[in-house]
Each structure stands twice: as C-alpha cells, then as structure tokens.
C-alpha cells in the first residue's frame, strides 16, 4: 500500500513538472513583462541581498554571459495576496528577467529560489540560496523536468543504497550538455564533489518520454544506472 502511494506521488510530481514544461517552457524567459516599478526600499533588504549574491556568483561563473554589473534593476513584489509561507519578487533590466521565490521552511529559516533568463540570448539559470545567501544549487539551461527526474533518482538511490549514496546537503551544479546542432535529443549533467549524474531524454510527447539516468562516484567507484518513465516509475538496470 505504501509503495502504491509513493508511486502515485512520483507520478503526480513528474506529471506536474511535464505539464509545467509544456505550458510555459521557455516562454517565461522569452517574453519579459513590463512590471509596475516598485522602489527598492519596498523590497526587503534580505531579498535584495539574495539578488546581488546570485548576480555576483553568475558574474564569476559565467563571465560574458551573465548580466552586466551596471544594469539598473526594476523590482516589484509579486507575492499572491493571502499567502503567508511564500513570498515572491520580480526584477527586470536590459531584457533580463529575474524571479525570486522565498518559501519559509521553518520559523526564521528560508530559501531563496531564483530564476534568471534573457529574452534574446536564451541564457537561463536557476539556483537556490540559503538564509545566509550561500549557494545551495546552480543549474544552467536545465529543463525543469530534468531537475525533477534528478531528485527522484537521488531519493531512490538514498533509499536503496544509503551507505553509498550522495549526501543530502551536497551542492549540485547542473548544465545542459546537448551538443550544438543536436535535434530531438537533450542531455544534461549534474556534478557535486566526486559525484556526476547524467540525465538524457528524447524530445517526444510528454506522456511517452523516458529518461535514462546514470549516477557515478569517481572516488568510490559506485555506479547506478536506470531510467524514469513519464509516469514517474523508476527502473534500475542491474
């Protein structure tokens, strides 16, 4: 019974991610809305600090691709009325769009979930910062469904190979690794310490897609291979 509930939950999570990718895709970053300007003092100082920390990291990690330091950002509070556990903010400047979601994990403990994209270049980055603005995760041009698959596989590996699996608190860096000019097939890689994970998939109907995944540790020699289907089911290749 518990496995059925877990399978249903995985199916629901992956289906929601695939639906989100279908409906929004990269449109969110291709159509930069014109916000109502909000003076920076109306946005909490800690949110501005998270924005600046993310921009500083991007300037160091992706020189020439990241936003220029001289950009003047226009920000606004986009928090939905009535929500108390999640706040959100939006910043625009020179065809860049940055959104920051701030869910409250526990009293006094928040995470900054940041998305950044450029209308013309197609640059897209997502990341997470902790309450002290330290980087927890960084992903460049990685589709949301690949992130969901990665997390599902990590949960599976931790459940079945607890003594060999990646730790919960490792900092993952992801990047789209699809070769230039490739059509119909996507690939991305996530790395953390001695760990590397690859996620691949064909660009087909969301209800038919399958994600081959490999998890490897270069230090211990541990290797896990399997696949995740559109229903969120994990099949391990032994």
Protein backbone atom coordinates (compact mmCIF):
# COMPACT_ATOMS: atom_id res chain seq x y z
CA UNK A 1 0.00 0.00 0.00
CA UNK A 2 2.84 2.37 0.89
CA UNK A 3 4.59 1.65 -2.42
CA UNK A 4 1.37 2.42 -4.29
CA UNK A 5 1.07 5.77 -2.53
CA UNK A 6 4.73 6.56 -3.23
CA UNK A 7 4.34 5.61 -6.89
CA UNK A 8 1.24 7.78 -7.20
CA UNK A 9 3.07 10.66 -5.61
CA UNK A 10 6.03 10.28 -8.00
CA UNK A 11 3.66 10.11 -10.95
CA UNK A 12 1.87 13.26 -9.82
CA UNK A 13 5.14 15.16 -9.27
CA UNK A 14 6.58 14.23 -12.65
CA UNK A 15 3.28 14.83 -14.45
CA UNK A 16 3.03 18.30 -12.91
CA UNK A 17 6.59 19.07 -13.99
CA UNK A 18 5.94 17.88 -17.53
CA UNK A 19 2.73 19.89 -17.70
CA UNK A 20 4.60 22.96 -16.49
CA UNK A 21 7.23 22.45 -19.16
CA UNK A 22 4.56 22.07 -21.85
CA UNK A 23 2.57 25.11 -20.83
CA UNK A 24 5.39 27.50 -20.00
CA UNK A 25 8.56 26.01 -21.49
CA UNK A 26 10.94 28.87 -22.02
CA UNK A 27 8.19 31.38 -22.73
CA UNK A 28 8.68 32.83 -19.31
CA UNK A 29 12.10 33.95 -20.40
CA UNK A 30 11.21 34.84 -23.94
CA UNK A 31 8.50 37.33 -23.02
CA UNK A 32 9.71 39.81 -20.47
CA UNK A 33 6.69 41.58 -18.97
CA UNK A 34 6.72 45.26 -18.21
CA UNK A 35 6.30 45.46 -14.44
CA UNK A 36 4.96 48.31 -12.41
CA UNK A 37 8.07 49.90 -10.98
CA UNK A 38 8.46 49.41 -7.25
CA UNK A 39 11.06 51.43 -5.37
CA UNK A 40 13.78 49.18 -3.98
CA UNK A 41 13.07 50.24 -0.36
CA UNK A 42 9.70 48.43 -0.67
CA UNK A 43 11.51 45.14 -1.25
CA UNK A 44 13.08 43.52 1.84
CA UNK A 45 16.81 44.13 2.18
CA UNK A 46 17.47 40.39 2.50
CA UNK A 47 15.81 39.77 -0.88
CA UNK A 48 17.94 42.45 -2.50
CA UNK A 49 20.99 40.87 -0.88
CA UNK A 50 20.00 37.45 -2.29
CA UNK A 51 19.62 39.01 -5.74
CA UNK A 52 23.04 40.62 -5.53
CA UNK A 53 24.66 37.43 -4.22
CA UNK A 54 23.26 35.47 -7.16
CA UNK A 55 24.43 38.12 -9.63
CA UNK A 56 27.91 38.10 -8.09
CA UNK A 57 28.11 34.33 -8.45
CA UNK A 58 26.90 34.46 -12.06
CA UNK A 59 29.39 37.18 -12.95
CA UNK A 60 32.18 34.95 -11.67
CA UNK A 61 30.87 31.64 -13.06
CA UNK A 62 29.70 32.85 -16.48
CA UNK A 63 31.70 35.95 -17.46
CA UNK A 64 30.46 37.45 -20.70
CA UNK A 65 27.08 35.71 -20.39
CA UNK A 66 25.81 36.96 -17.04
CA UNK A 67 24.11 40.35 -16.55
CA UNK A 68 26.41 43.37 -16.57
CA UNK A 69 27.17 44.90 -13.20
CA UNK A 70 25.94 48.29 -14.46
CA UNK A 71 22.34 47.16 -15.05
CA UNK A 72 19.66 49.12 -13.23
CA UNK A 73 17.11 46.64 -11.94
CA UNK A 74 13.43 47.47 -11.56
CA UNK A 75 11.80 45.35 -8.88
CA UNK A 76 8.32 44.62 -7.67
CA UNK A 77 6.63 42.44 -5.07
CA UNK A 78 4.65 39.68 -6.82
CA UNK A 79 3.51 37.80 -3.71
CA UNK A 80 -0.02 36.47 -4.09
CA UNK A 81 -2.43 38.02 -1.66
CA UNK A 82 -3.24 35.78 1.27
CA UNK A 83 -0.07 33.68 1.11
CA UNK A 84 1.89 33.68 4.35
CA UNK A 85 4.51 30.96 3.83
CA UNK A 86 5.79 32.02 0.40
CA UNK A 87 6.68 35.45 -0.94
CA UNK A 88 7.88 36.28 -4.44
CA UNK A 89 9.59 39.14 -6.23
CA UNK A 90 10.50 40.09 -9.78
CA UNK A 91 13.35 42.18 -11.21
CA UNK A 92 13.85 43.33 -14.79
CA UNK A 93 16.59 45.22 -16.61
CA UNK A 94 18.03 45.24 -20.15
CA UNK A 95 15.81 42.32 -21.28
CA UNK A 96 16.75 40.26 -18.21
CA UNK A 97 14.05 38.79 -16.01
CA UNK A 98 14.81 37.51 -12.52
CA UNK A 99 12.23 35.97 -10.21
CA UNK A 100 12.88 35.17 -6.56
CA UNK A 101 10.62 32.90 -4.56
CA UNK A 102 11.09 32.83 -0.80
CA UNK A 103 9.40 29.86 0.87
CA UNK A 104 9.60 29.65 4.65
CA UNK A 105 10.95 26.22 5.59
CA UNK A 106 10.54 26.79 9.32
CA UNK A 107 10.30 29.89 11.52
CA UNK A 108 13.34 32.00 10.73
CA UNK A 109 14.57 29.59 8.06
CA UNK A 110 14.01 30.50 4.39
CA UNK A 111 15.38 29.53 1.00
CA UNK A 112 15.75 31.84 -1.98
CA UNK A 113 14.72 30.08 -5.21
CA UNK A 114 15.96 32.18 -8.12
CA UNK A 115 15.35 32.02 -11.86
CA UNK A 116 17.09 34.27 -14.35
CA UNK A 117 16.68 34.48 -18.11
CA UNK A 118 17.47 36.74 -21.04
CA UNK A 119 14.95 37.37 -23.79
CA UNK A 120 17.40 37.49 -26.70
CA UNK A 121 20.36 35.25 -25.82
CA UNK A 122 18.35 32.36 -24.36
CA UNK A 123 20.55 32.29 -21.25
CA UNK A 124 18.62 30.62 -18.43
CA UNK A 125 19.80 29.93 -14.89
CA UNK A 126 18.11 28.58 -11.79
CA UNK A 127 19.62 28.42 -8.34
CA UNK A 128 18.93 28.23 -4.64
CA UNK A 129 20.49 30.20 -1.79
CA UNK A 130 20.16 29.52 1.91
CA UNK A 131 19.11 32.07 4.53
CA UNK A 132 22.69 33.37 4.67
CA UNK A 133 22.78 33.75 0.86
CA UNK A 134 25.20 30.84 0.38
CA UNK A 135 24.73 28.90 -2.85
CA UNK A 136 22.89 25.58 -2.47
CA UNK A 137 22.29 24.73 -6.13
CA UNK A 138 23.15 26.09 -9.57
CA UNK A 139 21.71 24.97 -12.91
CA UNK A 140 22.40 26.45 -16.34
CA UNK A 141 19.80 25.95 -19.08
CA UNK A 142 18.49 22.77 -17.42
CA UNK A 143 14.83 21.96 -18.08
CA UNK A 144 12.55 21.63 -15.06
CA UNK A 145 11.63 18.02 -15.87
CA UNK A 146 15.32 17.01 -15.74
CA UNK A 147 15.58 18.53 -12.26
CA UNK A 148 12.53 16.55 -11.12
CA UNK A 149 13.97 13.32 -12.53
CA UNK A 150 17.32 14.00 -10.84
CA UNK A 151 15.67 14.45 -7.43
CA UNK A 152 13.52 11.33 -7.87
CA UNK A 153 16.58 9.23 -8.70
CA UNK A 154 18.55 10.68 -5.79
CA UNK A 155 15.71 9.74 -3.42
CA UNK A 156 15.65 6.21 -4.85
CA UNK A 157 19.42 5.75 -4.56
CA UNK A 158 19.45 7.09 -1.00
CA UNK A 159 16.66 4.70 -0.06
CA UNK A 160 18.23 1.60 -1.59
CA UNK A 161 21.96 2.36 -1.21
CA UNK A 162 22.07 4.52 1.88
CA UNK A 163 25.72 3.82 2.68
CA UNK A 164 26.92 4.69 -0.84
CA UNK A 165 24.52 7.43 -1.97
CA UNK A 166 25.23 11.17 -2.24
CA UNK A 167 24.69 13.13 0.95
CA UNK A 168 21.58 15.29 1.29
CA UNK A 169 23.49 18.57 1.61
CA UNK A 170 25.88 18.38 -1.37
CA UNK A 171 25.94 21.38 -3.71
CA UNK A 172 24.81 20.29 -7.18
CA UNK A 173 25.84 22.18 -10.29
CA UNK A 174 23.87 21.33 -13.42
CA UNK A 175 24.33 22.27 -17.05
CA UNK A 176 22.69 21.43 -20.34
CA UNK A 177 25.23 19.34 -22.29
CA UNK A 178 23.27 18.77 -25.51
CA UNK A 179 25.76 19.02 -28.43
CA UNK A 180 25.39 22.08 -30.63
CA UNK A 181 23.07 21.35 -33.55
CA UNK A 182 21.53 18.28 -31.95
CA UNK A 183 17.83 17.95 -32.74
CA UNK A 184 15.31 15.79 -30.92
CA UNK A 185 17.54 14.71 -28.04
CA UNK A 186 18.54 16.52 -24.85
CA UNK A 187 21.16 15.80 -22.23
CA UNK A 188 22.37 17.44 -19.05
CA UNK A 189 24.91 16.71 -16.34
CA UNK A 190 24.93 17.39 -12.62
CA UNK A 191 28.11 17.35 -10.55
CA UNK A 192 28.83 17.55 -6.83
CA UNK A 193 32.17 16.75 -5.18
CA UNK A 194 33.14 13.37 -6.70
CA UNK A 195 29.63 12.72 -7.99
CA UNK A 196 28.38 13.03 -11.56
CA UNK A 197 24.87 12.36 -12.82
CA UNK A 198 23.70 12.41 -16.44
CA UNK A 199 20.06 12.72 -17.49
CA UNK A 200 19.03 12.28 -21.12
CA UNK A 201 15.73 12.24 -22.96
CA UNK A 202 14.23 12.44 -26.44
CA UNK A 203 12.01 15.39 -27.30
CA UNK A 204 8.75 13.50 -27.73
CA UNK A 205 5.23 13.72 -26.32
CA UNK A 206 5.41 14.19 -22.54
CA UNK A 207 3.37 11.03 -21.93
CA UNK A 208 5.88 8.98 -23.94
CA UNK A 209 9.21 10.36 -22.77
CA UNK A 210 11.77 8.19 -20.94
CA UNK A 211 14.79 9.50 -19.05
CA UNK A 212 17.93 7.29 -18.96
CA UNK A 213 20.00 8.24 -15.90
CA UNK A 214 23.49 7.37 -14.67
CA UNK A 215 24.91 8.23 -11.24
CA UNK A 216 28.65 7.74 -10.72
CA UNK A 217 31.20 8.43 -7.99
CA UNK A 218 34.75 8.75 -9.33
CA UNK A 219 36.27 8.18 -5.89
CA UNK A 220 34.39 5.11 -4.62
CA UNK A 221 33.58 3.53 -7.98
CA UNK A 222 29.85 3.37 -7.18
CA UNK A 223 27.70 3.39 -10.34
CA UNK A 224 23.92 3.35 -10.65
CA UNK A 225 22.06 3.17 -13.95
CA UNK A 226 18.35 3.23 -14.64
CA UNK A 227 15.52 5.11 -16.23
CA UNK A 228 12.45 7.08 -15.27
CA UNK A 229 9.33 6.95 -17.41
CA UNK A 230 6.63 9.57 -17.91
CA UNK A 231 4.58 8.06 -15.10
CA UNK A 232 7.39 8.60 -12.61
CA UNK A 233 8.31 4.92 -12.36
CA UNK A 234 12.00 4.10 -11.78
CA UNK A 235 13.54 1.05 -13.39
CA UNK A 236 17.02 0.12 -12.21
CA UNK A 237 19.41 -1.54 -14.69
CA UNK A 238 21.35 -4.21 -12.82
